[in-house]
Amino acid sequence: MECVPNFSEGRDKEKIEQIADAFRGKEGVKLLDYSSDADHNRSVITVVGEPEPLKQAVIDAIGRAVELIDLTHHKGQHPRIGAVDVVPFIPIRNVTMEETIALSKAVAQTAAEKYRLPVFLYEKSASASHRENLASVRKGEFEGLTEKMQLPEWQADFGPSEPHPTAGAVAVGARMPLVAYNVNLGTGDLEIANAIARKVRHVGGGLRFCKAMGVALHDRGITQVSMNLTDYTKTAIYRAHELVRIEAQRYGVPVVGAEVIGLVPMAALVDSAAYYLGLENFSINQVLEAKLME
């Protein structure tokens, strides 16, 4: 099983390392990757493991983040509701989605009880249809959470009925693999990035399995369209990239780069490589490493 927890700290390296340490040296758990972004003020950690050891490691990491991160002093480009913003579990091999959902709920209940932290279940684990979309759970962010949680439809699934004073709340759930893909634009105008994001994302009439928002990269003087591709088999990376490029043309803005956040399925990159190289009848079965992994 894979877990990709997102933490609301991307600038203090010492804190990030302390949180990542929760996954190091644990039998049955492997820390695959972690990356931080100062503009987003956010870190993404990717781990895999057997369900029970993974569960305990994630709970430990949540505890460290609650202790180390104070959202009353947090500023960043990425929306968030908590010190630990979201904890998705993804079935990888010899694990069913039903088992993944069960584990996500066990982690949610334990974290809520142990750290007095409100937990919202989302995606496949959601307790109601209006909680499936992470963007809906995040709406209002940490600053609006107290008011939001007073509404009957936004009571936490586990934990107290009001936010943790410094750590807010957390969304926990089970989902299929997604690709976090950002396209950088040669402009510092955030309104342009936001306008392009609205055209690209599904709710704006864009790509079916794409969530997108504009982000300012102040240190570089540019902006980006930050995207989550929730089903890369149906909304490919190259389609998202090219649609951003097409929409940017209307503003005379160039695409100056792109980035993948965290880990990405090999098939997602092979698909885009085949498109840009014009390969005919190419498949992942022709990739040497894919055959070796069998």
C-alpha atoms as a PDB file:
ATOM      1  CA  MET A   1       0.000   0.000   0.000  1.00  0.00           C
ATOM      2  CA  GLU A   2       1.162   3.540  -0.716  1.00  0.00           C
ATOM      3  CA  CYS A   3       0.577   6.684   1.336  1.00  0.00           C
ATOM      4  CA  VAL A   4       1.289  10.257   0.195  1.00  0.00           C
ATOM      5  CA  PRO A   5       0.741  12.578   3.183  1.00  0.00           C
ATOM      6  CA  ASN A   6       0.959  16.339   2.567  1.00  0.00           C
ATOM      7  CA  PHE A   7       2.291  18.539   5.380  1.00  0.00           C
ATOM      8  CA  SER A   8       1.891  22.312   5.658  1.00  0.00           C
ATOM      9  CA  GLU A   9       5.596  23.075   6.011  1.00  0.00           C
ATOM     10  CA  GLY A  10       7.932  23.646   3.092  1.00  0.00           C
ATOM     11  CA  ARG A  11      10.513  26.086   4.446  1.00  0.00           C
ATOM     12  CA  ASP A  12      11.884  24.802   7.750  1.00  0.00           C
ATOM     13  CA  LYS A  13      14.168  21.901   6.761  1.00  0.00           C
ATOM     14  CA  GLU A  14      14.659  20.759  10.349  1.00  0.00           C
ATOM     15  CA  LYS A  15      10.922  20.304  10.878  1.00  0.00           C
ATOM     16  CA  ILE A  16      10.543  18.531   7.537  1.00  0.00           C
ATOM     17  CA  GLU A  17      13.315  16.086   8.434  1.00  0.00           C
ATOM     18  CA  GLN A  18      11.752  15.374  11.835  1.00  0.00           C
ATOM     19  CA  ILE A  19       8.460  14.491  10.152  1.00  0.00           C
ATOM     20  CA  ALA A  20      10.198  12.357   7.507  1.00  0.00           C
ATOM     21  CA  ASP A  21      12.058  10.527  10.288  1.00  0.00           C
ATOM     22  CA  ALA A  22       8.758   8.922  11.280  1.00  0.00           C
ATOM     23  CA  PHE A  23       9.102   6.749   8.162  1.00  0.00           C
ATOM     24  CA  ARG A  24      12.813   5.953   8.401  1.00  0.00           C
ATOM     25  CA  GLY A  25      14.160   2.713   9.814  1.00  0.00           C
ATOM     26  CA  LYS A  26      10.724   1.146  10.227  1.00  0.00           C
ATOM     27  CA  GLU A  27      10.347  -2.521   9.382  1.00  0.00           C
ATOM     28  CA  GLY A  28       7.684  -3.040   6.730  1.00  0.00           C
ATOM     29  CA  VAL A  29       7.802   0.628   5.629  1.00  0.00           C
ATOM     30  CA  LYS A  30       9.903   2.252   2.890  1.00  0.00           C
ATOM     31  CA  LEU A  31      10.343   6.006   2.479  1.00  0.00           C
ATOM     32  CA  LEU A  32      10.425   6.451  -1.301  1.00  0.00           C
ATOM     33  CA  ASP A  33      10.520  10.201  -1.761  1.00  0.00           C
ATOM     34  CA  TYR A  34       9.861  13.556  -0.175  1.00  0.00           C
ATOM     35  CA  SER A  35       9.930  17.055  -1.614  1.00  0.00           C
ATOM     36  CA  SER A  36       9.211  20.559  -0.360  1.00  0.00           C
ATOM     37  CA  ASP A  37       8.187  23.823  -1.978  1.00  0.00           C
ATOM     38  CA  ALA A  38       8.761  27.153  -0.260  1.00  0.00           C
ATOM     39  CA  ASP A  39       6.152  29.051  -2.299  1.00  0.00           C
ATOM     40  CA  HIS A  40       3.496  26.433  -1.575  1.00  0.00           C
ATOM     41  CA  ASN A  41       4.962  26.107   1.955  1.00  0.00           C
ATOM     42  CA  ARG A  42       4.194  22.421   1.744  1.00  0.00           C
ATOM     43  CA  SER A  43       5.953  19.049   1.751  1.00  0.00           C
ATOM     44  CA  VAL A  44       4.816  15.833   0.099  1.00  0.00           C
ATOM     45  CA  ILE A  45       6.083  12.486   1.372  1.00  0.00           C
ATOM     46  CA  THR A  46       5.673   9.186  -0.483  1.00  0.00           C
ATOM     47  CA  VAL A  47       5.929   5.909   1.415  1.00  0.00           C
ATOM     48  CA  VAL A  48       4.963   2.307   0.776  1.00  0.00           C
ATOM     49  CA  GLY A  49       4.553  -0.534   3.199  1.00  0.00           C
ATOM     50  CA  GLU A  50       2.558  -3.359   4.636  1.00  0.00           C
ATOM     51  CA  PRO A  51      -0.739  -2.110   6.039  1.00  0.00           C
ATOM     52  CA  GLU A  52      -0.138  -2.383   9.800  1.00  0.00           C
ATOM     53  CA  PRO A  53       3.423  -0.947   9.928  1.00  0.00           C
ATOM     54  CA  LEU A  54       2.392   1.768   7.468  1.00  0.00           C
ATOM     55  CA  LYS A  55      -0.564   2.664   9.657  1.00  0.00           C
ATOM     56  CA  GLN A  56       1.627   3.165  12.732  1.00  0.00           C
ATOM     57  CA  ALA A  57       4.247   5.178  10.866  1.00  0.00           C
ATOM     58  CA  VAL A  58       1.612   7.526   9.424  1.00  0.00           C
ATOM     59  CA  ILE A  59       0.053   8.040  12.855  1.00  0.00           C
ATOM     60  CA  ASP A  60       3.495   8.888  14.274  1.00  0.00           C
ATOM     61  CA  ALA A  61       4.126  11.375  11.443  1.00  0.00           C
ATOM     62  CA  ILE A  62       0.765  13.048  12.059  1.00  0.00           C
ATOM     63  CA  GLY A  63       1.700  13.454  15.716  1.00  0.00           C
ATOM     64  CA  ARG A  64       5.018  15.077  14.872  1.00  0.00           C
ATOM     65  CA  ALA A  65       3.356  17.508  12.458  1.00  0.00           C
ATOM     66  CA  VAL A  66       0.728  18.466  15.029  1.00  0.00           C
ATOM     67  CA  GLU A  67       3.526  19.193  17.489  1.00  0.00           C
ATOM     68  CA  LEU A  68       5.809  21.078  15.082  1.00  0.00           C
ATOM     69  CA  ILE A  69       3.505  23.058  12.773  1.00  0.00           C
ATOM     70  CA  ASP A  70       1.494  26.071  13.920  1.00  0.00           C
ATOM     71  CA  LEU A  71      -0.962  27.128  11.233  1.00  0.00           C
ATOM     72  CA  THR A  72      -1.722  30.421  12.961  1.00  0.00           C
ATOM     73  CA  HIS A  73       1.666  31.543  11.594  1.00  0.00           C
ATOM     74  CA  HIS A  74       1.517  29.654   8.284  1.00  0.00           C
ATOM     75  CA  LYS A  75       1.416  31.406   4.913  1.00  0.00           C
ATOM     76  CA  GLY A  76       1.652  29.707   1.538  1.00  0.00           C
ATOM     77  CA  GLN A  77       0.201  29.499  -1.954  1.00  0.00           C
ATOM     78  CA  HIS A  78      -1.398  26.076  -1.510  1.00  0.00           C
ATOM     79  CA  PRO A  79      -4.822  25.753   0.165  1.00  0.00           C
ATOM     80  CA  ARG A  80      -4.789  23.762   3.430  1.00  0.00           C
ATOM     81  CA  ILE A  81      -6.988  22.931   6.392  1.00  0.00           C
ATOM     82  CA  GLY A  82      -4.372  21.457   8.669  1.00  0.00           C
ATOM     83  CA  ALA A  83      -0.766  20.967   9.690  1.00  0.00           C
ATOM     84  CA  VAL A  84      -1.291  17.580   8.074  1.00  0.00           C
ATOM     85  CA  ASP A  85      -3.498  18.666   5.203  1.00  0.00           C
ATOM     86  CA  VAL A  86      -4.319  15.379   3.522  1.00  0.00           C
ATOM     87  CA  VAL A  87      -3.412  11.701   3.982  1.00  0.00           C
ATOM     88  CA  PRO A  88      -4.325   9.555   0.968  1.00  0.00           C
ATOM     89  CA  PHE A  89      -3.835   5.777   0.916  1.00  0.00           C
ATOM     90  CA  ILE A  90      -3.456   4.023  -2.436  1.00  0.00           C
ATOM     91  CA  PRO A  91      -3.633   0.265  -3.129  1.00  0.00           C
ATOM     92  CA  ILE A  92      -0.555  -0.896  -5.022  1.00  0.00           C
ATOM     93  CA  ARG A  93      -0.213  -4.683  -5.021  1.00  0.00           C
ATOM     94  CA  ASN A  94      -2.097  -7.570  -3.383  1.00  0.00           C
ATOM     95  CA  VAL A  95      -4.359  -5.069  -1.621  1.00  0.00           C
ATOM     96  CA  THR A  96      -7.974  -4.263  -2.463  1.00  0.00           C
ATOM     97  CA  MET A  97      -9.594  -0.844  -2.416  1.00  0.00           C
ATOM     98  CA  GLU A  98     -11.893  -2.093   0.345  1.00  0.00           C
ATOM     99  CA  GLU A  99      -8.870  -2.944   2.506  1.00  0.00           C
ATOM    100  CA  THR A 100      -7.377   0.451   1.742  1.00  0.00           C
ATOM    101  CA  ILE A 101     -10.577   2.204   2.789  1.00  0.00           C
ATOM    102  CA  ALA A 102     -10.640   0.216   6.032  1.00  0.00           C
ATOM    103  CA  LEU A 103      -7.051   1.200   6.830  1.00  0.00           C
ATOM    104  CA  SER A 104      -7.730   4.868   6.097  1.00  0.00           C
ATOM    105  CA  LYS A 105     -10.640   4.844   8.545  1.00  0.00           C
ATOM    106  CA  ALA A 106      -8.535   3.112  11.212  1.00  0.00           C
ATOM    107  CA  VAL A 107      -5.817   5.774  10.841  1.00  0.00           C
ATOM    108  CA  ALA A 108      -8.430   8.537  10.941  1.00  0.00           C
ATOM    109  CA  GLN A 109     -10.016   7.255  14.146  1.00  0.00           C
ATOM    110  CA  THR A 110      -6.708   6.681  15.937  1.00  0.00           C
ATOM    111  CA  ALA A 111      -5.258  10.070  14.939  1.00  0.00           C
ATOM    112  CA  ALA A 112      -8.433  11.835  16.053  1.00  0.00           C
ATOM    113  CA  GLU A 113      -8.421  10.155  19.444  1.00  0.00           C
ATOM    114  CA  LYS A 114      -4.670  10.410  20.053  1.00  0.00           C
ATOM    115  CA  TYR A 115      -4.129  14.023  18.992  1.00  0.00           C
ATOM    116  CA  ARG A 116      -7.575  15.593  19.519  1.00  0.00           C
ATOM    117  CA  LEU A 117      -7.627  16.329  15.794  1.00  0.00           C
ATOM    118  CA  PRO A 118     -10.797  16.581  13.674  1.00  0.00           C
ATOM    119  CA  VAL A 119     -10.673  14.209  10.690  1.00  0.00           C
ATOM    120  CA  PHE A 120     -12.713  14.354   7.496  1.00  0.00           C
ATOM    121  CA  LEU A 121     -12.959  11.237   5.330  1.00  0.00           C
ATOM    122  CA  TYR A 122     -12.745  11.958   1.598  1.00  0.00           C
ATOM    123  CA  GLU A 123     -12.614  10.278  -1.849  1.00  0.00           C
ATOM    124  CA  LYS A 124     -13.433   6.532  -1.666  1.00  0.00           C
ATOM    125  CA  SER A 125     -13.607   6.695   2.148  1.00  0.00           C
ATOM    126  CA  ALA A 126     -16.072   9.609   2.253  1.00  0.00           C
ATOM    127  CA  SER A 127     -19.078   9.291   4.523  1.00  0.00           C
ATOM    128  CA  ALA A 128     -21.222  11.480   2.231  1.00  0.00           C
ATOM    129  CA  SER A 129     -21.101  12.474  -1.424  1.00  0.00           C
ATOM    130  CA  HIS A 130     -20.391  16.152  -0.685  1.00  0.00           C
ATOM    131  CA  ARG A 131     -17.145  15.107   1.066  1.00  0.00           C
ATOM    132  CA  GLU A 132     -15.681  13.073  -1.786  1.00  0.00           C
ATOM    133  CA  ASN A 133     -14.001  16.030  -3.507  1.00  0.00           C
ATOM    134  CA  LEU A 134     -10.947  17.231  -1.563  1.00  0.00           C
ATOM    135  CA  ALA A 135     -11.488  20.784  -2.815  1.00  0.00           C
ATOM    136  CA  SER A 136     -14.881  20.833  -1.080  1.00  0.00           C
ATOM    137  CA  VAL A 137     -13.354  19.617   2.169  1.00  0.00           C
ATOM    138  CA  ARG A 138     -10.649  22.303   1.952  1.00  0.00           C
ATOM    139  CA  LYS A 139     -12.996  25.149   1.051  1.00  0.00           C
ATOM    140  CA  GLY A 140     -12.596  27.972   3.553  1.00  0.00           C
ATOM    141  CA  GLU A 141      -9.184  26.608   4.559  1.00  0.00           C
ATOM    142  CA  PHE A 142      -7.818  26.708   8.106  1.00  0.00           C
ATOM    143  CA  GLU A 143      -8.945  30.287   8.659  1.00  0.00           C
ATOM    144  CA  GLY A 144     -12.593  29.429   7.923  1.00  0.00           C
ATOM    145  CA  LEU A 145     -12.656  26.030   9.590  1.00  0.00           C
ATOM    146  CA  THR A 146     -14.228  27.053  12.899  1.00  0.00           C
ATOM    147  CA  GLU A 147     -17.235  28.585  11.148  1.00  0.00           C
ATOM    148  CA  LYS A 148     -17.480  25.732   8.649  1.00  0.00           C
ATOM    149  CA  MET A 149     -17.512  23.041  11.326  1.00  0.00           C
ATOM    150  CA  GLN A 150     -20.498  24.671  12.997  1.00  0.00           C
ATOM    151  CA  LEU A 151     -22.592  23.593  10.018  1.00  0.00           C
ATOM    152  CA  PRO A 152     -24.308  20.198  10.503  1.00  0.00           C
ATOM    153  CA  GLU A 153     -23.093  18.962   7.110  1.00  0.00           C
ATOM    154  CA  TRP A 154     -19.454  19.669   8.026  1.00  0.00           C
ATOM    155  CA  GLN A 155     -19.098  17.950  11.359  1.00  0.00           C
ATOM    156  CA  ALA A 156     -15.902  15.896  11.516  1.00  0.00           C
ATOM    157  CA  ASP A 157     -16.127  12.149  10.899  1.00  0.00           C
ATOM    158  CA  PHE A 158     -13.817  11.583  13.856  1.00  0.00           C
ATOM    159  CA  GLY A 159     -12.520  13.792  16.627  1.00  0.00           C
ATOM    160  CA  PRO A 160     -13.689  17.047  18.216  1.00  0.00           C
ATOM    161  CA  SER A 161     -16.376  19.329  16.847  1.00  0.00           C
ATOM    162  CA  GLU A 162     -13.980  22.258  16.482  1.00  0.00           C
ATOM    163  CA  PRO A 163     -10.537  22.632  14.905  1.00  0.00           C
ATOM    164  CA  HIS A 164      -7.316  21.933  16.747  1.00  0.00           C
ATOM    165  CA  PRO A 165      -6.095  25.431  17.720  1.00  0.00           C
ATOM    166  CA  THR A 166      -2.774  25.202  15.862  1.00  0.00           C
ATOM    167  CA  ALA A 167      -3.084  22.087  13.664  1.00  0.00           C
ATOM    168  CA  GLY A 168      -6.594  22.583  12.238  1.00  0.00           C
ATOM    169  CA  ALA A 169      -7.995  19.370  10.789  1.00  0.00           C
ATOM    170  CA  VAL A 170      -6.952  16.651   8.345  1.00  0.00           C
ATOM    171  CA  ALA A 171      -8.541  14.879   5.387  1.00  0.00           C
ATOM    172  CA  VAL A 172      -7.896  11.124   5.247  1.00  0.00           C
ATOM    173  CA  GLY A 173      -9.050   8.754   2.546  1.00  0.00           C
ATOM    174  CA  ALA A 174      -8.391   6.100  -0.060  1.00  0.00           C
ATOM    175  CA  ARG A 175      -7.969   6.836  -3.751  1.00  0.00           C
ATOM    176  CA  MET A 176      -6.386   5.622  -6.960  1.00  0.00           C
ATOM    177  CA  PRO A 177      -2.943   6.962  -7.989  1.00  0.00           C
ATOM    178  CA  LEU A 178      -2.864  10.559  -9.188  1.00  0.00           C
ATOM    179  CA  VAL A 179      -0.221  12.662 -10.904  1.00  0.00           C
ATOM    180  CA  ALA A 180       0.711  16.016  -9.372  1.00  0.00           C
ATOM    181  CA  TYR A 181       1.859  18.006 -12.385  1.00  0.00           C
ATOM    182  CA  ASN A 182       2.637  21.726 -12.571  1.00  0.00           C
ATOM    183  CA  VAL A 183       3.216  23.849 -15.676  1.00  0.00           C
ATOM    184  CA  ASN A 184       5.264  27.044 -15.230  1.00  0.00           C
ATOM    185  CA  LEU A 185       4.313  30.205 -17.091  1.00  0.00           C
ATOM    186  CA  GLY A 186       6.565  33.058 -18.202  1.00  0.00           C
ATOM    187  CA  THR A 187       4.531  35.707 -16.386  1.00  0.00           C
ATOM    188  CA  GLY A 188       4.276  37.005 -12.855  1.00  0.00           C
ATOM    189  CA  ASP A 189       0.580  37.833 -13.300  1.00  0.00           C
ATOM    190  CA  LEU A 190      -1.325  35.431 -11.043  1.00  0.00           C
ATOM    191  CA  GLU A 191      -4.635  36.389 -12.619  1.00  0.00           C
ATOM    192  CA  ILE A 192      -3.475  34.885 -15.905  1.00  0.00           C
ATOM    193  CA  ALA A 193      -2.490  31.623 -14.198  1.00  0.00           C
ATOM    194  CA  ASN A 194      -5.858  31.521 -12.404  1.00  0.00           C
ATOM    195  CA  ALA A 195      -7.738  32.174 -15.653  1.00  0.00           C
ATOM    196  CA  ILE A 196      -5.890  29.330 -17.400  1.00  0.00           C
ATOM    197  CA  ALA A 197      -6.497  27.005 -14.451  1.00  0.00           C
ATOM    198  CA  ARG A 198     -10.230  27.713 -14.640  1.00  0.00           C
ATOM    199  CA  LYS A 199     -10.268  26.717 -18.315  1.00  0.00           C
ATOM    200  CA  VAL A 200      -8.235  23.550 -17.798  1.00  0.00           C
ATOM    201  CA  ARG A 201      -9.946  22.020 -14.767  1.00  0.00           C
ATOM    202  CA  HIS A 202     -13.030  19.859 -14.995  1.00  0.00           C
ATOM    203  CA  VAL A 203     -15.378  22.160 -13.056  1.00  0.00           C
ATOM    204  CA  GLY A 204     -14.590  24.927 -15.554  1.00  0.00           C
ATOM    205  CA  GLY A 205     -15.382  22.761 -18.579  1.00  0.00           C
ATOM    206  CA  GLY A 206     -11.853  21.467 -19.059  1.00  0.00           C
ATOM    207  CA  LEU A 207     -10.318  18.029 -18.716  1.00  0.00           C
ATOM    208  CA  ARG A 208     -12.460  15.447 -16.945  1.00  0.00           C
ATOM    209  CA  PHE A 209      -9.883  14.208 -14.436  1.00  0.00           C
ATOM    210  CA  CYS A 210      -8.037  17.456 -13.811  1.00  0.00           C
ATOM    211  CA  LYS A 211      -8.043  19.764 -10.800  1.00  0.00           C
ATOM    212  CA  ALA A 212      -6.110  22.984 -11.256  1.00  0.00           C
ATOM    213  CA  MET A 213      -5.279  26.308  -9.630  1.00  0.00           C
ATOM    214  CA  GLY A 214      -2.927  29.211 -10.260  1.00  0.00           C
ATOM    215  CA  VAL A 215       0.109  29.639  -8.011  1.00  0.00           C
ATOM    216  CA  ALA A 216       2.630  32.483  -7.768  1.00  0.00           C
ATOM    217  CA  LEU A 217       6.307  31.479  -7.568  1.00  0.00           C
ATOM    218  CA  HIS A 218       7.544  34.713  -6.024  1.00  0.00           C
ATOM    219  CA  ASP A 219      11.214  33.726  -5.796  1.00  0.00           C
ATOM    220  CA  ARG A 220      11.337  33.155  -9.561  1.00  0.00           C
ATOM    221  CA  GLY A 221       8.992  35.956 -10.601  1.00  0.00           C
ATOM    222  CA  ILE A 222       6.727  33.549 -12.491  1.00  0.00           C
ATOM    223  CA  THR A 223       3.461  31.704 -11.964  1.00  0.00           C
ATOM    224  CA  GLN A 224       2.288  28.154 -12.554  1.00  0.00           C
ATOM    225  CA  VAL A 225      -0.826  26.138 -13.197  1.00  0.00           C
ATOM    226  CA  SER A 226      -0.709  23.502 -10.463  1.00  0.00           C
ATOM    227  CA  MET A 227      -2.683  20.382 -11.363  1.00  0.00           C
ATOM    228  CA  ASN A 228      -3.767  17.070  -9.926  1.00  0.00           C
ATOM    229  CA  LEU A 229      -4.577  14.509 -12.608  1.00  0.00           C
ATOM    230  CA  THR A 230      -6.817  12.103 -10.734  1.00  0.00           C
ATOM    231  CA  ASP A 231      -6.913   9.447 -13.461  1.00  0.00           C
ATOM    232  CA  TYR A 232      -3.868   9.674 -15.712  1.00  0.00           C
ATOM    233  CA  THR A 233      -5.189   6.866 -17.939  1.00  0.00           C
ATOM    234  CA  LYS A 234      -8.052   9.114 -19.055  1.00  0.00           C
ATOM    235  CA  THR A 235      -6.523  12.575 -18.636  1.00  0.00           C
ATOM    236  CA  ALA A 236      -2.942  12.165 -19.808  1.00  0.00           C
ATOM    237  CA  ILE A 237      -0.076  14.437 -18.787  1.00  0.00           C
ATOM    238  CA  TYR A 238       0.500  15.558 -22.375  1.00  0.00           C
ATOM    239  CA  ARG A 239      -3.147  16.599 -22.776  1.00  0.00           C
ATOM    240  CA  ALA A 240      -3.007  18.725 -19.641  1.00  0.00           C
ATOM    241  CA  HIS A 241       0.298  20.266 -20.708  1.00  0.00           C
ATOM    242  CA  GLU A 242      -0.890  21.102 -24.202  1.00  0.00           C
ATOM    243  CA  LEU A 243      -4.189  22.569 -23.029  1.00  0.00           C
ATOM    244  CA  VAL A 244      -2.334  24.883 -20.648  1.00  0.00           C
ATOM    245  CA  ARG A 245      -0.076  25.894 -23.560  1.00  0.00           C
ATOM    246  CA  ILE A 246      -3.082  26.566 -25.817  1.00  0.00           C
ATOM    247  CA  GLU A 247      -4.836  28.703 -23.205  1.00  0.00           C
ATOM    248  CA  ALA A 248      -1.613  30.589 -22.416  1.00  0.00           C
ATOM    249  CA  GLN A 249      -1.287  31.614 -26.064  1.00  0.00           C
ATOM    250  CA  ARG A 250      -4.298  33.892 -25.817  1.00  0.00           C
ATOM    251  CA  TYR A 251      -2.383  35.971 -23.243  1.00  0.00           C
ATOM    252  CA  GLY A 252       0.907  35.861 -25.166  1.00  0.00           C
ATOM    253  CA  VAL A 253       2.434  33.906 -22.295  1.00  0.00           C
ATOM    254  CA  PRO A 254       4.998  31.128 -22.896  1.00  0.00           C
ATOM    255  CA  VAL A 255       5.278  27.840 -21.038  1.00  0.00           C
ATOM    256  CA  VAL A 256       8.763  27.933 -19.480  1.00  0.00           C
ATOM    257  CA  GLY A 257       8.881  24.585 -17.691  1.00  0.00           C
ATOM    258  CA  ALA A 258       7.001  21.880 -15.853  1.00  0.00           C
ATOM    259  CA  GLU A 259       7.466  19.648 -12.835  1.00  0.00           C
ATOM    260  CA  VAL A 260       6.183  16.448 -11.304  1.00  0.00           C
ATOM    261  CA  ILE A 261       5.636  16.518  -7.535  1.00  0.00           C
ATOM    262  CA  GLY A 262       6.376  13.275  -5.739  1.00  0.00           C
ATOM    263  CA  LEU A 263       6.380   9.979  -7.597  1.00  0.00           C
ATOM    264  CA  VAL A 264       4.586   9.241 -10.857  1.00  0.00           C
ATOM    265  CA  PRO A 265       3.497   5.944 -12.440  1.00  0.00           C
ATOM    266  CA  MET A 266       5.819   4.890 -15.245  1.00  0.00           C
ATOM    267  CA  ALA A 267       2.865   4.381 -17.573  1.00  0.00           C
ATOM    268  CA  ALA A 268       1.945   8.075 -17.275  1.00  0.00           C
ATOM    269  CA  LEU A 269       5.371   9.140 -18.542  1.00  0.00           C
ATOM    270  CA  VAL A 270       5.538   6.455 -21.226  1.00  0.00           C
ATOM    271  CA  ASP A 271       2.201   7.638 -22.590  1.00  0.00           C
ATOM    272  CA  SER A 272       3.432  11.227 -22.895  1.00  0.00           C
ATOM    273  CA  ALA A 273       6.807  10.200 -24.315  1.00  0.00           C
ATOM    274  CA  ALA A 274       5.035   8.198 -27.024  1.00  0.00           C
ATOM    275  CA  TYR A 275       2.906  11.248 -27.883  1.00  0.00           C
ATOM    276  CA  TYR A 276       5.749  13.754 -28.143  1.00  0.00           C
ATOM    277  CA  LEU A 277       8.036  11.364 -30.033  1.00  0.00           C
ATOM    278  CA  GLY A 278       5.265  10.270 -32.373  1.00  0.00           C
ATOM    279  CA  LEU A 279       5.871   6.601 -31.590  1.00  0.00           C
ATOM    280  CA  GLU A 280       3.491   4.241 -33.344  1.00  0.00           C
ATOM    281  CA  ASN A 281       1.962   1.256 -31.539  1.00  0.00           C
ATOM    282  CA  PHE A 282       4.264   1.768 -28.546  1.00  0.00           C
ATOM    283  CA  SER A 283       3.420   0.297 -25.136  1.00  0.00           C
ATOM    284  CA  ILE A 284       4.923   0.115 -21.675  1.00  0.00           C
ATOM    285  CA  ASN A 285       5.796  -3.521 -22.383  1.00  0.00           C
ATOM    286  CA  GLN A 286       8.625  -2.200 -24.566  1.00  0.00           C
ATOM    287  CA  VAL A 287      10.249  -0.431 -21.604  1.00  0.00           C
ATOM    288  CA  LEU A 288      13.150  -2.519 -20.277  1.00  0.00           C
ATOM    289  CA  GLU A 289      12.630  -1.607 -16.614  1.00  0.00           C
ATOM    290  CA  ALA A 290       8.947  -2.492 -16.829  1.00  0.00           C
ATOM    291  CA  LYS A 291       9.785  -5.966 -18.052  1.00  0.00           C
ATOM    292  CA  LEU A 292      12.446  -6.411 -15.365  1.00  0.00           C
ATOM    293  CA  MET A 293       9.955  -5.487 -12.629  1.00  0.00           C
ATOM    294  CA  GLU A 294       7.696  -8.328 -13.703  1.00  0.00           C
END
